[in-house]
Amino acid sequence: MKKSKFNDSQIMAILKQAESGVPVPELCRVVSCRVVSCRVVNMV
């Protein structure tokens, strides 16, 4: 399995932002990941 470029606390912070209503494409732009990656973990 590929190693994540984010640690657990960073992932939790990103998920909390998504739950609070920040648009996922905006989050992806800020943290430099692809929207496709976010869809894989069901954030969208």
Protein backbone atom coordinates (compact mmCIF):
# COMPACT_ATOMS: atom_id res chain seq x y z
CA MET A 1 0.00 0.00 0.00
CA LYS A 2 1.23 3.49 -0.84
CA LYS A 3 2.29 5.69 2.06
CA SER A 4 0.05 8.72 2.59
CA LYS A 5 1.61 12.16 2.29
CA PHE A 6 -0.65 13.28 5.15
CA ASN A 7 -0.42 12.14 8.75
CA ASP A 8 -3.48 11.11 10.78
CA SER A 9 -4.03 14.50 12.41
CA GLN A 10 -3.91 16.26 9.03
CA ILE A 11 -6.45 13.84 7.57
CA MET A 12 -8.77 14.37 10.55
CA ALA A 13 -8.53 18.16 10.15
CA ILE A 14 -9.38 17.89 6.44
CA LEU A 15 -12.37 15.63 7.15
CA LYS A 16 -13.66 18.01 9.83
CA GLN A 17 -13.46 20.90 7.36
CA ALA A 18 -15.39 18.86 4.80
CA GLU A 19 -18.06 18.03 7.39
CA SER A 20 -18.36 21.71 8.32
CA GLY A 21 -19.36 22.55 4.76
CA VAL A 22 -16.17 23.57 2.96
CA PRO A 23 -16.55 22.47 -0.68
CA VAL A 24 -14.44 19.42 -1.45
CA PRO A 25 -12.84 20.88 -4.60
CA GLU A 26 -11.73 23.87 -2.49
CA LEU A 27 -10.24 21.54 0.14
CA CYS A 28 -8.42 19.58 -2.53
CA ARG A 29 -6.95 22.77 -3.95
CA VAL A 30 -5.76 23.91 -0.52
CA VAL A 31 -4.14 20.60 0.45
CA SER A 32 -2.86 19.84 -3.06
CA CYS A 33 -4.67 16.58 -3.73
CA ARG A 34 -6.85 15.48 -6.61
CA VAL A 35 -10.65 15.50 -6.39
CA VAL A 36 -10.59 11.88 -7.57
CA SER A 37 -8.62 10.95 -4.44
CA CYS A 38 -11.25 12.63 -2.29
CA ARG A 39 -14.00 10.69 -4.02
CA VAL A 40 -12.18 7.43 -3.27
CA VAL A 41 -12.52 8.13 0.47
CA ASN A 42 -16.18 9.22 0.01
CA MET A 43 -15.75 12.87 1.00
CA VAL A 44 -17.91 13.90 -1.95
